[in-house]
């Protein structure tokens, strides 16, 4: 296959031989789709940052077939936590819009049966597992899971969400309405 990239929050945090790195803020919001297989390493990122990545690559050709892989918070967890109808109907929410096309593999199993209860290693692993309990490796498919029944079938690709913008007031503070 062609070149692969890893996009990380800080280039210095990724030192992988033979792998291109780029800063996620410039790559995810530029409006230009990635042109090769890319892993976005995004644990604990806010939902809107995931939305920027999706918005910039919003097409089956760009997102599917392993072209975009995201390691981060499982999008299904966002779906489980969003309760208000206002949040669900937000036209700029790319994460909730793409969920029917999401293929998510939870990352589990940090703890080891070789660690004795009460040992420093066991306690450290338990804390680490708690911190990353929501992590998943996510890809996207042209088929979609429909109606929560587990049935998978070809469906129309959803329209690209509106771009999320934050308005700042004259003092440079976050406020105003979202465009």
C-alpha atoms as a PDB file:
ATOM      1  CA  UNK A   1       0.000   0.000   0.000  1.00  0.00           C
ATOM      2  CA  UNK A   2       0.946   3.649  -0.196  1.00  0.00           C
ATOM      3  CA  UNK A   3       2.396   5.911   2.438  1.00  0.00           C
ATOM      4  CA  UNK A   4       0.813   6.022   5.872  1.00  0.00           C
ATOM      5  CA  UNK A   5       0.618   8.937   8.255  1.00  0.00           C
ATOM      6  CA  UNK A   6       0.051   9.367  11.946  1.00  0.00           C
ATOM      7  CA  UNK A   7      -1.532  12.601  13.092  1.00  0.00           C
ATOM      8  CA  UNK A   8      -0.826  13.474  16.695  1.00  0.00           C
ATOM      9  CA  UNK A   9      -1.482  16.421  18.971  1.00  0.00           C
ATOM     10  CA  UNK A  10       2.246  17.020  19.273  1.00  0.00           C
ATOM     11  CA  UNK A  11       4.755  15.877  16.671  1.00  0.00           C
ATOM     12  CA  UNK A  12       7.329  15.335  19.413  1.00  0.00           C
ATOM     13  CA  UNK A  13       5.048  12.745  21.024  1.00  0.00           C
ATOM     14  CA  UNK A  14       5.296  10.425  18.019  1.00  0.00           C
ATOM     15  CA  UNK A  15       8.647   9.070  16.945  1.00  0.00           C
ATOM     16  CA  UNK A  16       7.928   6.217  14.591  1.00  0.00           C
ATOM     17  CA  UNK A  17      10.400   5.110  11.953  1.00  0.00           C
ATOM     18  CA  UNK A  18       9.130   5.546   8.423  1.00  0.00           C
ATOM     19  CA  UNK A  19       5.896   7.254   9.458  1.00  0.00           C
ATOM     20  CA  UNK A  20       4.998  10.788   8.505  1.00  0.00           C
ATOM     21  CA  UNK A  21       3.625  12.966  11.297  1.00  0.00           C
ATOM     22  CA  UNK A  22       1.704  16.191  11.191  1.00  0.00           C
ATOM     23  CA  UNK A  23       0.036  18.460  13.691  1.00  0.00           C
ATOM     24  CA  UNK A  24      -3.644  17.588  14.177  1.00  0.00           C
ATOM     25  CA  UNK A  25      -4.805  21.186  14.370  1.00  0.00           C
ATOM     26  CA  UNK A  26      -3.569  21.979  10.870  1.00  0.00           C
ATOM     27  CA  UNK A  27      -4.492  18.633   9.318  1.00  0.00           C
ATOM     28  CA  UNK A  28      -7.924  18.191  10.825  1.00  0.00           C
ATOM     29  CA  UNK A  29      -9.325  21.635  10.127  1.00  0.00           C
ATOM     30  CA  UNK A  30      -7.774  22.617   6.822  1.00  0.00           C
ATOM     31  CA  UNK A  31     -10.760  21.464   4.792  1.00  0.00           C
ATOM     32  CA  UNK A  32      -8.452  19.312   2.693  1.00  0.00           C
ATOM     33  CA  UNK A  33      -9.048  15.586   2.834  1.00  0.00           C
ATOM     34  CA  UNK A  34      -6.143  13.325   3.642  1.00  0.00           C
ATOM     35  CA  UNK A  35      -4.739  11.648   0.556  1.00  0.00           C
ATOM     36  CA  UNK A  36      -3.361   8.428   2.096  1.00  0.00           C
ATOM     37  CA  UNK A  37      -4.063   5.999   4.937  1.00  0.00           C
ATOM     38  CA  UNK A  38      -3.895   8.042   8.108  1.00  0.00           C
ATOM     39  CA  UNK A  39      -4.082   7.155  11.781  1.00  0.00           C
ATOM     40  CA  UNK A  40      -5.384   9.976  13.945  1.00  0.00           C
ATOM     41  CA  UNK A  41      -4.100   9.330  17.478  1.00  0.00           C
ATOM     42  CA  UNK A  42      -6.615  11.297  19.527  1.00  0.00           C
ATOM     43  CA  UNK A  43      -7.221   9.841  23.019  1.00  0.00           C
ATOM     44  CA  UNK A  44      -9.186  12.147  25.334  1.00  0.00           C
ATOM     45  CA  UNK A  45      -9.867  14.731  22.612  1.00  0.00           C
ATOM     46  CA  UNK A  46     -13.066  16.781  22.658  1.00  0.00           C
ATOM     47  CA  UNK A  47     -15.888  15.651  20.395  1.00  0.00           C
ATOM     48  CA  UNK A  48     -15.569  18.804  18.246  1.00  0.00           C
ATOM     49  CA  UNK A  49     -11.962  17.944  17.352  1.00  0.00           C
ATOM     50  CA  UNK A  50     -13.111  14.541  16.073  1.00  0.00           C
ATOM     51  CA  UNK A  51     -15.795  16.453  14.176  1.00  0.00           C
ATOM     52  CA  UNK A  52     -13.105  18.581  12.501  1.00  0.00           C
ATOM     53  CA  UNK A  53     -11.318  15.457  11.253  1.00  0.00           C
ATOM     54  CA  UNK A  54     -14.566  13.975   9.947  1.00  0.00           C
ATOM     55  CA  UNK A  55     -15.699  17.256   8.360  1.00  0.00           C
ATOM     56  CA  UNK A  56     -12.369  17.616   6.519  1.00  0.00           C
ATOM     57  CA  UNK A  57     -12.632  14.089   5.112  1.00  0.00           C
ATOM     58  CA  UNK A  58     -16.408  13.811   4.618  1.00  0.00           C
ATOM     59  CA  UNK A  59     -16.875  11.275   1.834  1.00  0.00           C
ATOM     60  CA  UNK A  60     -16.897   7.496   1.576  1.00  0.00           C
ATOM     61  CA  UNK A  61     -13.760   7.647  -0.579  1.00  0.00           C
ATOM     62  CA  UNK A  62     -11.853   9.597   2.066  1.00  0.00           C
ATOM     63  CA  UNK A  63     -13.179   7.936   5.235  1.00  0.00           C
ATOM     64  CA  UNK A  64     -13.779   4.299   4.277  1.00  0.00           C
ATOM     65  CA  UNK A  65     -11.628   1.279   3.421  1.00  0.00           C
ATOM     66  CA  UNK A  66      -9.130   2.073   6.180  1.00  0.00           C
ATOM     67  CA  UNK A  67      -8.184   5.438   4.702  1.00  0.00           C
ATOM     68  CA  UNK A  68      -8.953   7.124   8.023  1.00  0.00           C
ATOM     69  CA  UNK A  69      -8.354   5.289  11.298  1.00  0.00           C
ATOM     70  CA  UNK A  70      -9.003   7.064  14.590  1.00  0.00           C
ATOM     71  CA  UNK A  71      -7.648   5.892  17.930  1.00  0.00           C
ATOM     72  CA  UNK A  72      -9.576   7.783  20.570  1.00  0.00           C
ATOM     73  CA  UNK A  73     -12.794   7.995  22.537  1.00  0.00           C
ATOM     74  CA  UNK A  74     -15.378   5.545  21.209  1.00  0.00           C
ATOM     75  CA  UNK A  75     -18.000   7.535  19.264  1.00  0.00           C
ATOM     76  CA  UNK A  76     -20.675   5.154  20.571  1.00  0.00           C
ATOM     77  CA  UNK A  77     -20.010   6.560  24.052  1.00  0.00           C
ATOM     78  CA  UNK A  78     -20.841  10.058  22.802  1.00  0.00           C
ATOM     79  CA  UNK A  79     -24.064   8.662  21.360  1.00  0.00           C
ATOM     80  CA  UNK A  80     -24.882   7.058  24.715  1.00  0.00           C
ATOM     81  CA  UNK A  81     -24.209  10.293  26.661  1.00  0.00           C
ATOM     82  CA  UNK A  82     -25.978  12.839  24.453  1.00  0.00           C
ATOM     83  CA  UNK A  83     -29.446  13.173  25.913  1.00  0.00           C
ATOM     84  CA  UNK A  84     -30.806  16.523  24.797  1.00  0.00           C
ATOM     85  CA  UNK A  85     -32.732  16.814  21.560  1.00  0.00           C
ATOM     86  CA  UNK A  86     -30.863  20.082  20.880  1.00  0.00           C
ATOM     87  CA  UNK A  87     -27.512  18.292  20.865  1.00  0.00           C
ATOM     88  CA  UNK A  88     -28.909  15.457  18.742  1.00  0.00           C
ATOM     89  CA  UNK A  89     -30.314  17.867  16.159  1.00  0.00           C
ATOM     90  CA  UNK A  90     -27.142  20.004  15.968  1.00  0.00           C
ATOM     91  CA  UNK A  91     -26.431  20.226  12.221  1.00  0.00           C
ATOM     92  CA  UNK A  92     -22.684  20.595  12.869  1.00  0.00           C
ATOM     93  CA  UNK A  93     -22.310  17.396  14.919  1.00  0.00           C
ATOM     94  CA  UNK A  94     -20.319  15.123  12.613  1.00  0.00           C
ATOM     95  CA  UNK A  95     -19.698  12.441  15.253  1.00  0.00           C
ATOM     96  CA  UNK A  96     -23.357  11.560  15.798  1.00  0.00           C
ATOM     97  CA  UNK A  97     -24.058  11.768  12.053  1.00  0.00           C
ATOM     98  CA  UNK A  98     -21.380   9.191  11.147  1.00  0.00           C
ATOM     99  CA  UNK A  99     -22.235   6.605  13.838  1.00  0.00           C
ATOM    100  CA  UNK A 100     -24.269   4.313  11.526  1.00  0.00           C
ATOM    101  CA  UNK A 101     -21.105   3.926   9.390  1.00  0.00           C
ATOM    102  CA  UNK A 102     -18.764   3.454  12.373  1.00  0.00           C
ATOM    103  CA  UNK A 103     -16.766   0.256  12.820  1.00  0.00           C
ATOM    104  CA  UNK A 104     -15.461   0.423  16.374  1.00  0.00           C
ATOM    105  CA  UNK A 105     -13.116  -1.978  18.145  1.00  0.00           C
ATOM    106  CA  UNK A 106     -12.815  -1.301  21.885  1.00  0.00           C
ATOM    107  CA  UNK A 107      -9.297  -1.381  23.342  1.00  0.00           C
ATOM    108  CA  UNK A 108      -9.416  -3.461  26.527  1.00  0.00           C
ATOM    109  CA  UNK A 109      -7.183  -5.766  28.511  1.00  0.00           C
ATOM    110  CA  UNK A 110      -4.585  -3.554  30.163  1.00  0.00           C
ATOM    111  CA  UNK A 111      -4.736  -5.464  33.421  1.00  0.00           C
ATOM    112  CA  UNK A 112      -2.809  -8.689  33.844  1.00  0.00           C
ATOM    113  CA  UNK A 113      -3.622 -11.763  35.904  1.00  0.00           C
ATOM    114  CA  UNK A 114       0.066 -11.940  36.846  1.00  0.00           C
ATOM    115  CA  UNK A 115      -0.216  -8.817  38.993  1.00  0.00           C
ATOM    116  CA  UNK A 116      -1.012  -9.377  42.648  1.00  0.00           C
ATOM    117  CA  UNK A 117      -3.835  -7.335  44.136  1.00  0.00           C
ATOM    118  CA  UNK A 118      -2.403  -4.416  46.084  1.00  0.00           C
ATOM    119  CA  UNK A 119       0.870  -4.382  44.163  1.00  0.00           C
ATOM    120  CA  UNK A 120       2.072  -1.090  42.709  1.00  0.00           C
ATOM    121  CA  UNK A 121       1.921  -2.529  39.189  1.00  0.00           C
ATOM    122  CA  UNK A 122      -1.657  -3.707  39.630  1.00  0.00           C
ATOM    123  CA  UNK A 123      -2.811  -0.341  41.018  1.00  0.00           C
ATOM    124  CA  UNK A 124      -1.051   1.534  38.205  1.00  0.00           C
ATOM    125  CA  UNK A 125      -2.654  -0.681  35.574  1.00  0.00           C
ATOM    126  CA  UNK A 126      -6.079  -0.234  37.148  1.00  0.00           C
ATOM    127  CA  UNK A 127      -5.708   3.561  37.001  1.00  0.00           C
ATOM    128  CA  UNK A 128      -4.508   3.370  33.407  1.00  0.00           C
ATOM    129  CA  UNK A 129      -7.403   1.112  32.450  1.00  0.00           C
ATOM    130  CA  UNK A 130      -9.840   3.576  34.042  1.00  0.00           C
ATOM    131  CA  UNK A 131      -8.296   6.462  32.104  1.00  0.00           C
ATOM    132  CA  UNK A 132      -8.551   4.635  28.773  1.00  0.00           C
ATOM    133  CA  UNK A 133     -11.754   2.655  29.419  1.00  0.00           C
ATOM    134  CA  UNK A 134     -13.453   4.463  26.545  1.00  0.00           C
ATOM    135  CA  UNK A 135     -10.714   3.971  23.930  1.00  0.00           C
ATOM    136  CA  UNK A 136     -11.372   2.412  20.563  1.00  0.00           C
ATOM    137  CA  UNK A 137      -9.836   1.970  17.147  1.00  0.00           C
ATOM    138  CA  UNK A 138     -12.413   3.291  14.702  1.00  0.00           C
ATOM    139  CA  UNK A 139     -12.815   2.990  10.960  1.00  0.00           C
ATOM    140  CA  UNK A 140     -15.763   3.677   8.679  1.00  0.00           C
ATOM    141  CA  UNK A 141     -17.777   1.605   6.205  1.00  0.00           C
ATOM    142  CA  UNK A 142     -20.003   2.442   3.261  1.00  0.00           C
ATOM    143  CA  UNK A 143     -22.597   0.072   4.715  1.00  0.00           C
ATOM    144  CA  UNK A 144     -24.441   1.108   7.844  1.00  0.00           C
ATOM    145  CA  UNK A 145     -25.943  -0.500  10.895  1.00  0.00           C
ATOM    146  CA  UNK A 146     -29.631   0.357  10.722  1.00  0.00           C
ATOM    147  CA  UNK A 147     -32.107   0.784  13.546  1.00  0.00           C
ATOM    148  CA  UNK A 148     -29.952  -0.661  16.318  1.00  0.00           C
ATOM    149  CA  UNK A 149     -30.928  -4.191  15.228  1.00  0.00           C
ATOM    150  CA  UNK A 150     -27.476  -5.057  13.963  1.00  0.00           C
ATOM    151  CA  UNK A 151     -28.746  -5.296  10.389  1.00  0.00           C
ATOM    152  CA  UNK A 152     -26.109  -3.978   8.016  1.00  0.00           C
ATOM    153  CA  UNK A 153     -27.024  -2.701   4.569  1.00  0.00           C
ATOM    154  CA  UNK A 154     -26.117  -0.148   1.944  1.00  0.00           C
ATOM    155  CA  UNK A 155     -27.566   3.256   2.783  1.00  0.00           C
ATOM    156  CA  UNK A 156     -27.040   6.713   1.374  1.00  0.00           C
ATOM    157  CA  UNK A 157     -24.011   8.486   2.757  1.00  0.00           C
ATOM    158  CA  UNK A 158     -25.161  11.285   5.088  1.00  0.00           C
ATOM    159  CA  UNK A 159     -24.827  14.886   3.972  1.00  0.00           C
ATOM    160  CA  UNK A 160     -21.722  16.690   5.162  1.00  0.00           C
ATOM    161  CA  UNK A 161     -22.482  18.446   8.438  1.00  0.00           C
ATOM    162  CA  UNK A 162     -22.271  22.196   8.739  1.00  0.00           C
ATOM    163  CA  UNK A 163     -18.838  23.456   9.700  1.00  0.00           C
ATOM    164  CA  UNK A 164     -18.586  24.203  13.424  1.00  0.00           C
ATOM    165  CA  UNK A 165     -17.391  27.728  14.154  1.00  0.00           C
ATOM    166  CA  UNK A 166     -17.063  29.554  17.449  1.00  0.00           C
ATOM    167  CA  UNK A 167     -17.821  33.262  17.489  1.00  0.00           C
ATOM    168  CA  UNK A 168     -15.663  35.502  19.665  1.00  0.00           C
ATOM    169  CA  UNK A 169     -16.904  38.833  20.992  1.00  0.00           C
ATOM    170  CA  UNK A 170     -15.064  42.157  20.594  1.00  0.00           C
ATOM    171  CA  UNK A 171     -12.941  41.374  23.685  1.00  0.00           C
ATOM    172  CA  UNK A 172     -11.726  38.156  22.099  1.00  0.00           C
ATOM    173  CA  UNK A 173     -13.725  36.005  24.492  1.00  0.00           C
ATOM    174  CA  UNK A 174     -15.712  32.983  23.461  1.00  0.00           C
ATOM    175  CA  UNK A 175     -19.353  33.873  23.133  1.00  0.00           C
ATOM    176  CA  UNK A 176     -22.028  34.833  20.708  1.00  0.00           C
ATOM    177  CA  UNK A 177     -23.769  32.332  18.557  1.00  0.00           C
ATOM    178  CA  UNK A 178     -22.362  29.386  16.687  1.00  0.00           C
ATOM    179  CA  UNK A 179     -22.339  29.913  12.933  1.00  0.00           C
END
